Amino acid sequence: MRYDYLVVGAGLYGAVFAREATKAGKSVLVIDKRPNIAGNVYTEEVEGINVHVYGAHIFHTNNKKVWDYITQYAEFNRFTNSPVANYKGELFSLPFNMYTFNKMWGVVTPQEAAAKIEEQKKEAGITEPKNLEEQAISLVGRDIFEKLVKGYTEKQWGRDCKDLPAFIIKRLPVRLTFDNNYFNALYQGIPMGGYTKMVANLLDGIEVRLNVDYLQNKAELDAIADKVVYTGAIDAYFDYQLGTLEYRSVRFETEVLDMPNFQGNAAVNYTDRETPWTRIIEHKWFEFGTQPKTVISREYSSEWKPGDEPYYPVNDERNGALYQKYKALADKEEKVIFGGRLGEYKYYDMDAVIASALDMCEREL
């Protein structure tokens, strides 16, 4: 059997491309080295709860084209992301809003909150933020930076806030309102029945082979397709010949608890440096669960090493320059399309992955 396209990776990018290519009358084979489809958005049912196996995924977008597209394959609930920050047992509202400022400073009006932030920004003497620490202080003041940003961010990235680029925190939501919605997105929710079901709907009727490692069987797999859509790590594709790109990885400790409610919220971030995990996810609250038991996952951030699951690209100057060299090699591969978070070495939200795949489909098909 020969195929028009071999799609490497059954995550969001690969599934969207496979669906659109199939609709365009092309023959497609999808492979994945994991034993399951859906990549990092994979959900697994435990005690009637859809557990986000590779970390919390909350769909949010302002892109109507993407929303109209993905809602053909899943019905979404009205989940709103309103995380809570736990700093040594004190609870604060995330996003940073009037509840946060009231708890932190006792201020009551937006004017008082804005004045307090401005006063702390002036004290710090920051005009042009040069790193993440300066950027955060200029957005929310020193008190909030010290309690709610610094420890969490240093655990997440394994680096001092002074050594991280300012742009990482550009999307920090700061609101002088009581709005608890973390994402300022028009469309938001969780696919009912879990993400795996949504990806299965995208791949319906398409040939999928699991437990197949593309890079270990590259020659024979390349031989059965006219073109390859590759969504794995770009440096791995070229056998790390120019060096390895850096990622942060995440380790999860998941347990079933014989109680209906552990923390009362889907996500609680632990923002002090001493608590080893970055956050605890209680999965049932993504779908307003009423199950008698609950499932929680503690997340631990770690430096990536070969064999680990790569999660977040470390988008600093060194890695950016190295990626550009790999991209130059990728551009010479006439029969291969590199896409997705790992193929493009990009910190992508889910809607941006779908948008990128749809753009590629329009150009390619």
Protein backbone atom coordinates (compact mmCIF):
# COMPACT_ATOMS: atom_id res chain seq x y z
CA MET A 1 0.00 0.00 0.00
CA ARG A 2 1.29 3.46 -0.91
CA TYR A 3 0.07 6.63 0.77
CA ASP A 4 -0.01 10.24 -0.29
CA TYR A 5 0.90 11.28 3.27
CA LEU A 6 2.54 9.61 6.21
CA VAL A 7 1.63 11.63 9.33
CA VAL A 8 4.10 11.11 12.18
CA GLY A 9 2.32 11.85 15.47
CA ALA A 10 -1.36 11.45 16.35
CA GLY A 11 -1.58 14.68 18.37
CA LEU A 12 -3.61 17.75 17.43
CA TYR A 13 -1.47 18.90 14.49
CA GLY A 14 -1.22 15.42 12.97
CA ALA A 15 -4.91 14.63 13.48
CA VAL A 16 -6.10 17.90 11.90
CA PHE A 17 -3.78 17.47 8.92
CA ALA A 18 -4.85 13.82 8.48
CA ARG A 19 -8.54 14.77 8.56
CA GLU A 20 -8.17 17.59 6.01
CA ALA A 21 -5.98 15.49 3.68
CA THR A 22 -8.54 12.67 3.82
CA LYS A 23 -11.34 15.16 3.05
CA ALA A 24 -9.29 16.29 0.06
CA GLY A 25 -9.26 12.71 -1.25
CA LYS A 26 -5.69 11.86 -0.24
CA SER A 27 -4.63 8.53 1.24
CA VAL A 28 -3.16 8.94 4.73
CA LEU A 29 -1.41 6.75 7.27
CA VAL A 30 -0.99 8.12 10.81
CA ILE A 31 1.64 6.59 13.11
CA ASP A 32 2.58 7.31 16.70
CA LYS A 33 5.28 5.81 18.90
CA ARG A 34 2.98 5.91 21.93
CA PRO A 35 0.36 3.21 22.56
CA ASN A 36 -2.39 5.87 22.29
CA ILE A 37 -3.60 8.67 20.07
CA ALA A 38 -4.01 12.36 21.09
CA GLY A 39 -0.39 13.20 21.97
CA ASN A 40 -0.09 15.41 25.04
CA VAL A 41 -3.84 16.13 25.15
CA TYR A 42 -4.49 12.42 25.83
CA THR A 43 -7.16 11.83 28.49
CA GLU A 44 -7.83 8.51 30.20
CA GLU A 45 -10.91 7.55 32.19
CA VAL A 46 -10.23 6.71 35.86
CA GLU A 47 -13.14 6.25 38.31
CA GLY A 48 -15.42 7.88 35.73
CA ILE A 49 -13.16 10.97 35.60
CA ASN A 50 -11.34 12.05 32.43
CA VAL A 51 -7.76 12.42 33.65
CA HIS A 52 -5.45 14.78 31.70
CA VAL A 53 -2.50 12.36 31.64
CA TYR A 54 0.09 14.87 30.35
CA GLY A 55 -1.07 17.87 32.37
CA ALA A 56 -4.06 20.18 32.37
CA HIS A 57 -5.31 21.25 28.95
CA ILE A 58 -7.95 23.97 28.86
CA PHE A 59 -9.11 24.95 25.40
CA HIS A 60 -9.41 28.70 24.84
CA THR A 61 -9.37 30.81 21.71
CA ASN A 62 -10.48 34.08 20.14
CA ASN A 63 -10.14 32.54 16.69
CA LYS A 64 -13.65 31.86 15.40
CA LYS A 65 -12.36 29.79 12.47
CA VAL A 66 -10.56 27.44 14.86
CA TRP A 67 -13.55 27.26 17.22
CA ASP A 68 -15.99 26.50 14.40
CA TYR A 69 -13.60 23.84 13.12
CA ILE A 70 -12.92 21.97 16.36
CA THR A 71 -16.52 22.04 17.60
CA GLN A 72 -17.42 19.80 14.65
CA TYR A 73 -15.51 17.05 16.47
CA ALA A 74 -16.47 17.68 20.11
CA GLU A 75 -19.07 19.40 22.22
CA PHE A 76 -17.41 21.68 24.75
CA ASN A 77 -18.64 22.47 28.26
CA ARG A 78 -18.51 25.96 29.77
CA PHE A 79 -15.46 25.41 31.99
CA THR A 80 -13.75 28.68 32.99
CA ASN A 81 -10.15 28.53 34.16
CA SER A 82 -9.91 30.21 37.59
CA PRO A 83 -6.79 28.85 39.29
CA VAL A 84 -5.93 29.52 42.92
CA ALA A 85 -2.43 30.33 44.22
CA ASN A 86 -1.32 28.75 47.49
CA TYR A 87 1.61 30.59 49.12
CA LYS A 88 2.55 28.81 52.36
CA GLY A 89 -1.11 28.15 53.14
CA GLU A 90 -2.39 31.61 52.10
CA LEU A 91 -4.78 31.45 49.14
CA PHE A 92 -4.88 34.10 46.41
CA SER A 93 -6.88 34.52 43.23
CA LEU A 94 -5.24 33.89 39.87
CA PRO A 95 -5.47 35.77 37.52
CA PHE A 96 -4.19 38.74 39.53
CA ASN A 97 -7.37 40.70 40.07
CA MET A 98 -9.13 42.79 42.72
CA TYR A 99 -9.51 39.76 44.99
CA THR A 100 -5.71 39.27 44.86
CA PHE A 101 -4.96 42.95 45.49
CA ASN A 102 -7.46 43.15 48.36
CA LYS A 103 -5.95 40.11 50.06
CA MET A 104 -2.37 41.30 49.47
CA TRP A 105 -2.73 45.00 50.39
CA GLY A 106 -6.22 45.53 51.81
CA VAL A 107 -7.09 47.85 48.91
CA VAL A 108 -10.75 48.07 47.90
CA THR A 109 -10.91 50.14 44.71
CA PRO A 110 -9.20 49.70 41.32
CA GLN A 111 -7.63 53.16 41.79
CA GLU A 112 -5.98 52.08 45.07
CA ALA A 113 -4.70 48.85 43.47
CA ALA A 114 -3.26 50.68 40.45
CA ALA A 115 -1.59 53.25 42.73
CA LYS A 116 0.00 50.47 44.83
CA ILE A 117 1.41 48.71 41.76
CA GLU A 118 2.71 52.03 40.37
CA GLU A 119 4.33 52.90 43.73
CA GLN A 120 6.17 49.53 43.88
CA LYS A 121 7.20 49.82 40.25
CA LYS A 122 8.70 53.29 40.93
CA GLU A 123 10.50 52.00 44.04
CA ALA A 124 12.12 49.31 41.88
CA GLY A 125 13.21 51.98 39.35
CA ILE A 126 12.34 49.86 36.30
CA THR A 127 11.79 51.71 33.03
CA GLU A 128 12.75 49.10 30.39
CA PRO A 129 12.38 45.54 31.80
CA LYS A 130 15.46 43.50 30.87
CA ASN A 131 14.43 40.13 32.37
CA LEU A 132 11.44 38.26 33.76
CA GLU A 133 11.88 39.62 37.29
CA GLU A 134 11.83 43.24 36.12
CA GLN A 135 8.95 42.58 33.74
CA ALA A 136 6.85 40.99 36.51
CA ILE A 137 7.57 43.76 39.04
CA SER A 138 6.60 46.38 36.45
CA LEU A 139 3.28 44.54 35.86
CA VAL A 140 2.23 43.62 39.41
CA GLY A 141 4.66 45.19 41.92
CA ARG A 142 7.26 43.58 44.17
CA ASP A 143 4.93 42.00 46.80
CA ILE A 144 2.99 39.94 44.28
CA PHE A 145 6.17 39.09 42.39
CA GLU A 146 7.84 37.77 45.58
CA LYS A 147 4.83 35.73 46.78
CA LEU A 148 3.03 34.60 43.65
CA VAL A 149 5.46 34.74 40.69
CA LYS A 150 9.06 34.17 41.75
CA GLY A 151 8.97 30.72 43.39
CA TYR A 152 6.52 29.22 40.89
CA THR A 153 8.43 30.52 37.86
CA GLU A 154 11.83 29.37 39.16
CA LYS A 155 10.42 25.87 39.79
CA GLN A 156 8.78 25.85 36.35
CA TRP A 157 11.91 26.89 34.42
CA GLY A 158 14.69 25.73 36.77
CA ARG A 159 16.33 29.14 36.40
CA ASP A 160 16.51 32.35 38.41
CA CYS A 161 13.92 34.95 37.31
CA LYS A 162 16.78 37.35 36.51
CA ASP A 163 18.10 34.81 33.96
CA LEU A 164 14.78 34.39 32.13
CA PRO A 165 13.69 36.60 29.21
CA ALA A 166 11.01 39.22 29.93
CA PHE A 167 8.68 38.00 27.15
CA ILE A 168 7.81 34.75 29.00
CA ILE A 169 5.58 36.72 31.36
CA LYS A 170 4.11 39.20 28.85
CA ARG A 171 0.88 37.18 28.95
CA LEU A 172 0.50 37.47 32.74
CA PRO A 173 -3.16 38.45 33.23
CA VAL A 174 -3.56 41.50 35.49
CA ARG A 175 -7.07 42.83 35.99
CA LEU A 176 -8.40 45.76 37.96
CA THR A 177 -11.76 43.96 38.10
CA PHE A 178 -13.16 41.00 40.05
CA ASP A 179 -13.13 38.82 36.91
CA ASN A 180 -11.76 35.39 37.84
CA ASN A 181 -11.45 34.13 34.25
CA TYR A 182 -7.75 33.46 33.62
CA PHE A 183 -8.07 33.53 29.82
CA ASN A 184 -9.54 36.57 28.11
CA ALA A 185 -10.90 34.30 25.40
CA LEU A 186 -14.21 34.48 23.62
CA TYR A 187 -14.46 30.68 23.40
CA GLN A 188 -13.38 28.39 26.21
CA GLY A 189 -14.13 24.96 27.63
CA ILE A 190 -13.24 21.28 27.85
CA PRO A 191 -14.46 18.70 25.31
CA MET A 192 -17.14 16.62 26.96
CA GLY A 193 -15.96 13.03 27.29
CA GLY A 194 -12.30 14.11 27.14
CA TYR A 195 -9.74 15.11 24.52
CA THR A 196 -9.02 11.53 23.43
CA LYS A 197 -12.61 11.22 22.22
CA MET A 198 -12.24 14.50 20.28
CA VAL A 199 -9.03 13.32 18.56
CA ALA A 200 -10.64 9.92 17.85
CA ASN A 201 -13.44 11.81 16.05
CA LEU A 202 -10.85 13.71 13.99
CA LEU A 203 -9.15 10.42 13.05
CA ASP A 204 -12.39 8.51 12.40
CA GLY A 205 -12.00 6.25 9.36
CA ILE A 206 -8.27 7.04 8.95
CA GLU A 207 -5.65 4.29 9.26
CA VAL A 208 -3.68 4.70 12.51
CA ARG A 209 -0.80 2.50 13.68
CA LEU A 210 0.38 2.90 17.26
CA ASN A 211 3.65 1.81 18.92
CA VAL A 212 5.52 2.65 15.72
CA ASP A 213 8.76 4.62 16.12
CA TYR A 214 9.27 6.61 12.92
CA LEU A 215 12.94 7.46 13.47
CA GLN A 216 13.84 3.81 14.08
CA ASN A 217 12.06 2.65 10.89
CA LYS A 218 12.57 5.76 8.79
CA ALA A 219 13.76 4.24 5.51
CA GLU A 220 10.94 1.70 5.17
CA LEU A 221 8.26 4.17 6.30
CA ASP A 222 9.49 6.92 3.95
CA ALA A 223 9.31 4.40 1.11
CA ILE A 224 5.53 3.92 1.46
CA ALA A 225 4.50 7.59 1.26
CA ASP A 226 4.95 10.45 -1.19
CA LYS A 227 5.26 13.00 1.62
CA VAL A 228 5.80 12.98 5.37
CA VAL A 229 4.16 15.29 7.92
CA TYR A 230 6.52 15.16 10.90
CA THR A 231 5.36 16.45 14.30
CA GLY A 232 8.20 15.07 16.44
CA ALA A 233 11.21 16.97 17.76
CA ILE A 234 13.07 18.68 14.90
CA ASP A 235 16.54 18.04 16.41
CA ALA A 236 15.74 14.33 16.85
CA TYR A 237 14.80 14.13 13.14
CA PHE A 238 18.33 15.24 12.26
CA ASP A 239 19.84 12.93 14.89
CA TYR A 240 20.93 15.92 17.04
CA GLN A 241 23.74 16.58 14.57
CA LEU A 242 23.96 20.29 15.53
CA GLY A 243 23.35 19.68 19.26
CA THR A 244 20.20 19.28 21.34
CA LEU A 245 17.51 21.90 21.75
CA GLU A 246 16.54 22.45 25.38
CA TYR A 247 13.11 21.69 26.82
CA ARG A 248 11.51 21.66 30.20
CA SER A 249 9.85 18.40 31.11
CA VAL A 250 7.12 17.62 33.65
CA ARG A 251 6.72 14.62 35.93
CA PHE A 252 3.31 13.73 37.35
CA GLU A 253 2.37 11.89 40.52
CA THR A 254 -1.27 10.90 40.09
CA GLU A 255 -3.41 9.26 42.75
CA VAL A 256 -7.02 8.25 43.29
CA LEU A 257 -8.41 9.52 46.60
CA ASP A 258 -11.39 7.99 48.37
CA MET A 259 -13.12 11.35 48.88
CA PRO A 260 -15.40 13.45 46.68
CA ASN A 261 -13.39 16.68 46.89
CA PHE A 262 -9.69 17.30 47.59
CA GLN A 263 -9.09 21.01 46.89
CA GLY A 264 -12.35 22.40 45.51
CA ASN A 265 -10.77 23.65 42.27
CA ALA A 266 -9.29 22.19 39.08
CA ALA A 267 -5.91 23.88 39.55
CA VAL A 268 -4.05 25.13 42.62
CA ASN A 269 -0.57 26.60 42.01
CA TYR A 270 1.98 26.30 44.83
CA THR A 271 3.98 29.49 44.53
CA ASP A 272 6.55 29.13 47.32
CA ARG A 273 9.99 27.77 46.45
CA GLU A 274 9.94 25.16 49.26
CA THR A 275 6.98 23.09 48.00
CA PRO A 276 8.57 20.76 45.42
CA TRP A 277 5.59 20.57 43.05
CA THR A 278 4.39 23.50 40.93
CA ARG A 279 0.68 22.71 41.11
CA ILE A 280 -1.97 20.14 41.92
CA ILE A 281 -4.66 19.36 39.36
CA GLU A 282 -7.97 17.86 40.50
CA HIS A 283 -9.29 16.48 37.22
CA LYS A 284 -12.99 16.05 38.02
CA TRP A 285 -13.55 19.82 38.26
CA PHE A 286 -12.80 20.26 34.53
CA GLU A 287 -16.14 18.58 33.92
CA PHE A 288 -18.08 19.55 37.08
CA GLY A 289 -17.73 15.99 38.40
CA THR A 290 -20.08 14.36 40.89
CA GLN A 291 -18.12 11.09 41.24
CA PRO A 292 -17.71 9.68 44.78
CA LYS A 293 -13.90 9.58 44.39
CA THR A 294 -11.41 12.10 43.04
CA VAL A 295 -8.13 11.97 41.08
CA ILE A 296 -5.31 14.43 41.68
CA SER A 297 -1.97 14.97 39.94
CA ARG A 298 1.02 16.74 41.46
CA GLU A 299 3.21 18.33 38.79
CA TYR A 300 6.98 18.55 39.12
CA SER A 301 8.98 20.54 36.60
CA SER A 302 12.36 19.19 35.50
CA GLU A 303 15.16 19.72 33.01
CA TRP A 304 14.63 17.58 29.90
CA LYS A 305 17.05 14.81 29.02
CA PRO A 306 16.82 12.29 26.12
CA GLY A 307 14.17 9.71 26.96
CA ASP A 308 11.98 12.24 28.83
CA GLU A 309 8.84 13.74 27.33
CA PRO A 310 9.70 17.24 26.00
CA TYR A 311 7.04 19.78 27.04
CA TYR A 312 8.11 23.42 26.90
CA PRO A 313 10.73 24.73 24.49
CA VAL A 314 13.27 26.94 26.28
CA ASN A 315 12.92 29.91 23.92
CA ASP A 316 16.06 31.81 24.86
CA GLU A 317 18.66 33.24 22.45
CA ARG A 318 20.91 30.17 22.33
CA ASN A 319 18.05 27.78 21.56
CA GLY A 320 16.47 30.21 19.12
CA ALA A 321 19.71 30.40 17.13
CA LEU A 322 20.11 26.61 17.16
CA TYR A 323 16.51 26.12 16.03
CA GLN A 324 17.12 28.45 13.06
CA LYS A 325 20.00 26.19 11.96
CA TYR A 326 17.77 23.12 12.20
CA LYS A 327 15.02 24.97 10.33
CA ALA A 328 17.49 25.66 7.48
CA LEU A 329 18.09 21.89 7.26
CA ALA A 330 14.33 21.22 7.44
CA ASP A 331 13.64 23.64 4.58
CA LYS A 332 15.87 21.50 2.33
CA GLU A 333 13.77 18.37 3.00
CA GLU A 334 11.43 18.66 0.02
CA LYS A 335 9.20 15.73 0.94
CA VAL A 336 8.82 16.53 4.66
CA ILE A 337 6.51 19.05 6.38
CA PHE A 338 7.59 19.94 9.94
CA GLY A 339 4.72 21.04 12.16
CA GLY A 340 3.43 21.42 15.70
CA ARG A 341 5.03 22.27 19.02
CA LEU A 342 8.07 19.98 18.61
CA GLY A 343 8.45 20.21 14.85
CA GLU A 344 8.49 24.02 15.01
CA TYR A 345 10.09 24.31 18.49
CA LYS A 346 7.34 26.67 19.62
CA TYR A 347 5.35 27.18 22.81
CA TYR A 348 1.94 26.65 21.20
CA ASP A 349 -1.50 26.82 22.79
CA MET A 350 -3.91 24.23 21.39
CA ASP A 351 -5.83 26.70 19.24
CA ALA A 352 -2.57 27.92 17.67
CA VAL A 353 -1.58 24.32 16.83
CA ILE A 354 -4.93 23.81 15.08
CA ALA A 355 -4.62 27.17 13.26
CA SER A 356 -1.09 26.29 12.13
CA ALA A 357 -2.24 22.87 10.84
CA LEU A 358 -5.19 24.40 8.97
CA ASP A 359 -2.89 27.02 7.38
CA MET A 360 -0.53 24.26 6.27
CA CYS A 361 -3.47 22.28 4.84
CA GLU A 362 -4.55 25.30 2.80
CA ARG A 363 -1.06 25.71 1.35
CA GLU A 364 -0.41 22.01 0.82
CA LEU A 365 -3.79 20.64 -0.26
